């Protein structure tokens, strides 16, 4: 099992993605600066590479992750590692995470 670099915080935020099989939507269930877990009924292959748009509450534009890798998949749930995102997106994501209580629950 991989060791995560950052603790993931429980959230329930919408997201969308682009996979090889086409576009899809889902719900983020936990989030860190380096990855997230989400649920989606869209078929995604394990080890797939995706483009993500994370919808952050109270922000007009989504945080874009230009490249993420699926690290695990069970049923409709999956985890992804963020591989590539620009500095503005990284800063926006970190700002959002810092504003969340560390014991936030779903």
C-alpha atoms as a PDB file:
ATOM      1  CA  UNK A   1       0.000   0.000   0.000  1.00  0.00           C
ATOM      2  CA  UNK A   2       1.312   3.458  -0.926  1.00  0.00           C
ATOM      3  CA  UNK A   3       2.007   5.967   1.826  1.00  0.00           C
ATOM      4  CA  UNK A   4       0.287   9.309   1.249  1.00  0.00           C
ATOM      5  CA  UNK A   5       2.313  12.508   1.542  1.00  0.00           C
ATOM      6  CA  UNK A   6      -0.581  14.516   3.006  1.00  0.00           C
ATOM      7  CA  UNK A   7      -3.592  13.635   5.133  1.00  0.00           C
ATOM      8  CA  UNK A   8      -6.814  13.680   3.151  1.00  0.00           C
ATOM      9  CA  UNK A   9      -9.693  15.765   4.467  1.00  0.00           C
ATOM     10  CA  UNK A  10     -13.283  14.534   4.059  1.00  0.00           C
ATOM     11  CA  UNK A  11     -15.362  16.723   1.705  1.00  0.00           C
ATOM     12  CA  UNK A  12     -18.402  16.332  -0.554  1.00  0.00           C
ATOM     13  CA  UNK A  13     -17.542  18.509  -3.555  1.00  0.00           C
ATOM     14  CA  UNK A  14     -18.520  18.039  -7.205  1.00  0.00           C
ATOM     15  CA  UNK A  15     -15.908  17.430  -9.865  1.00  0.00           C
ATOM     16  CA  UNK A  16     -15.657  16.564 -13.520  1.00  0.00           C
ATOM     17  CA  UNK A  17     -13.023  14.702 -15.479  1.00  0.00           C
ATOM     18  CA  UNK A  18     -11.884  13.710 -18.924  1.00  0.00           C
ATOM     19  CA  UNK A  19     -10.864  10.079 -19.344  1.00  0.00           C
ATOM     20  CA  UNK A  20      -9.920   8.068 -22.418  1.00  0.00           C
ATOM     21  CA  UNK A  21     -13.484   6.668 -22.389  1.00  0.00           C
ATOM     22  CA  UNK A  22     -14.887  10.226 -22.410  1.00  0.00           C
ATOM     23  CA  UNK A  23     -16.006  12.906 -19.980  1.00  0.00           C
ATOM     24  CA  UNK A  24     -17.635  12.207 -16.641  1.00  0.00           C
ATOM     25  CA  UNK A  25     -18.689  13.701 -13.337  1.00  0.00           C
ATOM     26  CA  UNK A  26     -18.310  12.617  -9.759  1.00  0.00           C
ATOM     27  CA  UNK A  27     -18.208  13.648  -6.126  1.00  0.00           C
ATOM     28  CA  UNK A  28     -14.948  14.142  -4.231  1.00  0.00           C
ATOM     29  CA  UNK A  29     -15.106  12.321  -0.899  1.00  0.00           C
ATOM     30  CA  UNK A  30     -11.671  13.243   0.450  1.00  0.00           C
ATOM     31  CA  UNK A  31      -9.017  15.664  -0.702  1.00  0.00           C
ATOM     32  CA  UNK A  32      -5.375  16.608  -0.157  1.00  0.00           C
ATOM     33  CA  UNK A  33      -2.886  18.784  -2.018  1.00  0.00           C
ATOM     34  CA  UNK A  34      -1.581  15.681  -3.818  1.00  0.00           C
ATOM     35  CA  UNK A  35      -4.655  13.605  -4.531  1.00  0.00           C
ATOM     36  CA  UNK A  36      -8.253  12.757  -3.811  1.00  0.00           C
ATOM     37  CA  UNK A  37     -10.798   9.983  -3.685  1.00  0.00           C
ATOM     38  CA  UNK A  38     -14.043  10.353  -5.580  1.00  0.00           C
ATOM     39  CA  UNK A  39     -17.144   8.448  -6.558  1.00  0.00           C
ATOM     40  CA  UNK A  40     -18.447   8.210 -10.110  1.00  0.00           C
ATOM     41  CA  UNK A  41     -20.581   5.779 -12.046  1.00  0.00           C
ATOM     42  CA  UNK A  42     -18.516   6.514 -15.174  1.00  0.00           C
ATOM     43  CA  UNK A  43     -16.352   3.565 -16.299  1.00  0.00           C
ATOM     44  CA  UNK A  44     -12.683   4.313 -15.626  1.00  0.00           C
ATOM     45  CA  UNK A  45      -9.836   1.840 -15.997  1.00  0.00           C
ATOM     46  CA  UNK A  46      -7.470   1.308 -13.063  1.00  0.00           C
ATOM     47  CA  UNK A  47      -4.154   3.098 -13.760  1.00  0.00           C
ATOM     48  CA  UNK A  48      -5.901   5.477 -16.186  1.00  0.00           C
ATOM     49  CA  UNK A  49      -4.665   9.037 -16.577  1.00  0.00           C
ATOM     50  CA  UNK A  50      -7.314  11.756 -16.216  1.00  0.00           C
ATOM     51  CA  UNK A  51      -7.755  15.506 -16.445  1.00  0.00           C
ATOM     52  CA  UNK A  52      -9.766  16.854 -13.493  1.00  0.00           C
ATOM     53  CA  UNK A  53     -11.769  19.954 -12.660  1.00  0.00           C
ATOM     54  CA  UNK A  54     -12.401  20.257  -8.923  1.00  0.00           C
ATOM     55  CA  UNK A  55     -15.310  22.503  -7.946  1.00  0.00           C
ATOM     56  CA  UNK A  56     -14.322  24.501  -4.882  1.00  0.00           C
ATOM     57  CA  UNK A  57     -17.201  26.018  -2.870  1.00  0.00           C
ATOM     58  CA  UNK A  58     -17.636  29.791  -3.257  1.00  0.00           C
ATOM     59  CA  UNK A  59     -15.302  29.965  -6.262  1.00  0.00           C
ATOM     60  CA  UNK A  60     -16.423  30.659  -9.806  1.00  0.00           C
ATOM     61  CA  UNK A  61     -13.756  28.646 -11.641  1.00  0.00           C
ATOM     62  CA  UNK A  62     -12.780  25.037 -10.911  1.00  0.00           C
ATOM     63  CA  UNK A  63      -9.282  24.030  -9.845  1.00  0.00           C
ATOM     64  CA  UNK A  64      -7.774  22.223 -12.824  1.00  0.00           C
ATOM     65  CA  UNK A  65      -5.509  19.207 -12.564  1.00  0.00           C
ATOM     66  CA  UNK A  66      -3.986  18.650 -15.994  1.00  0.00           C
ATOM     67  CA  UNK A  67      -2.863  15.092 -15.197  1.00  0.00           C
ATOM     68  CA  UNK A  68      -3.901  12.637 -12.478  1.00  0.00           C
ATOM     69  CA  UNK A  69      -3.340   8.885 -12.204  1.00  0.00           C
ATOM     70  CA  UNK A  70      -5.899   6.444 -10.839  1.00  0.00           C
ATOM     71  CA  UNK A  71      -4.121   4.570  -8.028  1.00  0.00           C
ATOM     72  CA  UNK A  72      -7.018   2.374  -6.869  1.00  0.00           C
ATOM     73  CA  UNK A  73     -10.600   1.578  -7.836  1.00  0.00           C
ATOM     74  CA  UNK A  74     -13.303  -0.293  -5.916  1.00  0.00           C
ATOM     75  CA  UNK A  75     -16.833  -0.225  -7.305  1.00  0.00           C
ATOM     76  CA  UNK A  76     -17.731   3.400  -8.047  1.00  0.00           C
ATOM     77  CA  UNK A  77     -14.947   4.722  -5.778  1.00  0.00           C
ATOM     78  CA  UNK A  78     -11.409   5.506  -6.818  1.00  0.00           C
ATOM     79  CA  UNK A  79      -8.322   7.357  -5.683  1.00  0.00           C
ATOM     80  CA  UNK A  80      -6.141   9.565  -7.842  1.00  0.00           C
ATOM     81  CA  UNK A  81      -2.712  11.079  -7.430  1.00  0.00           C
ATOM     82  CA  UNK A  82      -2.277  14.580  -8.859  1.00  0.00           C
ATOM     83  CA  UNK A  83       0.710  14.448 -11.224  1.00  0.00           C
ATOM     84  CA  UNK A  84       0.572  17.844 -12.912  1.00  0.00           C
ATOM     85  CA  UNK A  85      -1.168  21.126 -12.121  1.00  0.00           C
ATOM     86  CA  UNK A  86      -0.112  24.735 -12.560  1.00  0.00           C
ATOM     87  CA  UNK A  87       1.077  26.894  -9.656  1.00  0.00           C
ATOM     88  CA  UNK A  88      -2.147  28.946  -9.523  1.00  0.00           C
ATOM     89  CA  UNK A  89      -4.239  25.777  -9.178  1.00  0.00           C
ATOM     90  CA  UNK A  90      -1.884  24.428  -6.501  1.00  0.00           C
ATOM     91  CA  UNK A  91      -2.170  27.672  -4.521  1.00  0.00           C
ATOM     92  CA  UNK A  92      -5.975  27.762  -4.802  1.00  0.00           C
ATOM     93  CA  UNK A  93      -6.227  24.142  -3.658  1.00  0.00           C
ATOM     94  CA  UNK A  94      -3.885  24.686  -0.700  1.00  0.00           C
ATOM     95  CA  UNK A  95      -5.845  27.807   0.321  1.00  0.00           C
ATOM     96  CA  UNK A  96      -9.102  25.810   0.256  1.00  0.00           C
ATOM     97  CA  UNK A  97      -7.585  22.942   2.260  1.00  0.00           C
ATOM     98  CA  UNK A  98      -6.129  25.318   4.871  1.00  0.00           C
ATOM     99  CA  UNK A  99      -9.594  26.830   5.403  1.00  0.00           C
ATOM    100  CA  UNK A 100     -11.170  23.418   6.119  1.00  0.00           C
ATOM    101  CA  UNK A 101     -11.240  22.151   9.699  1.00  0.00           C
ATOM    102  CA  UNK A 102      -8.819  19.214  10.068  1.00  0.00           C
ATOM    103  CA  UNK A 103     -11.602  17.052  11.488  1.00  0.00           C
ATOM    104  CA  UNK A 104     -14.197  17.982   8.833  1.00  0.00           C
ATOM    105  CA  UNK A 105     -16.698  15.212   8.336  1.00  0.00           C
ATOM    106  CA  UNK A 106     -18.937  14.259   5.457  1.00  0.00           C
END
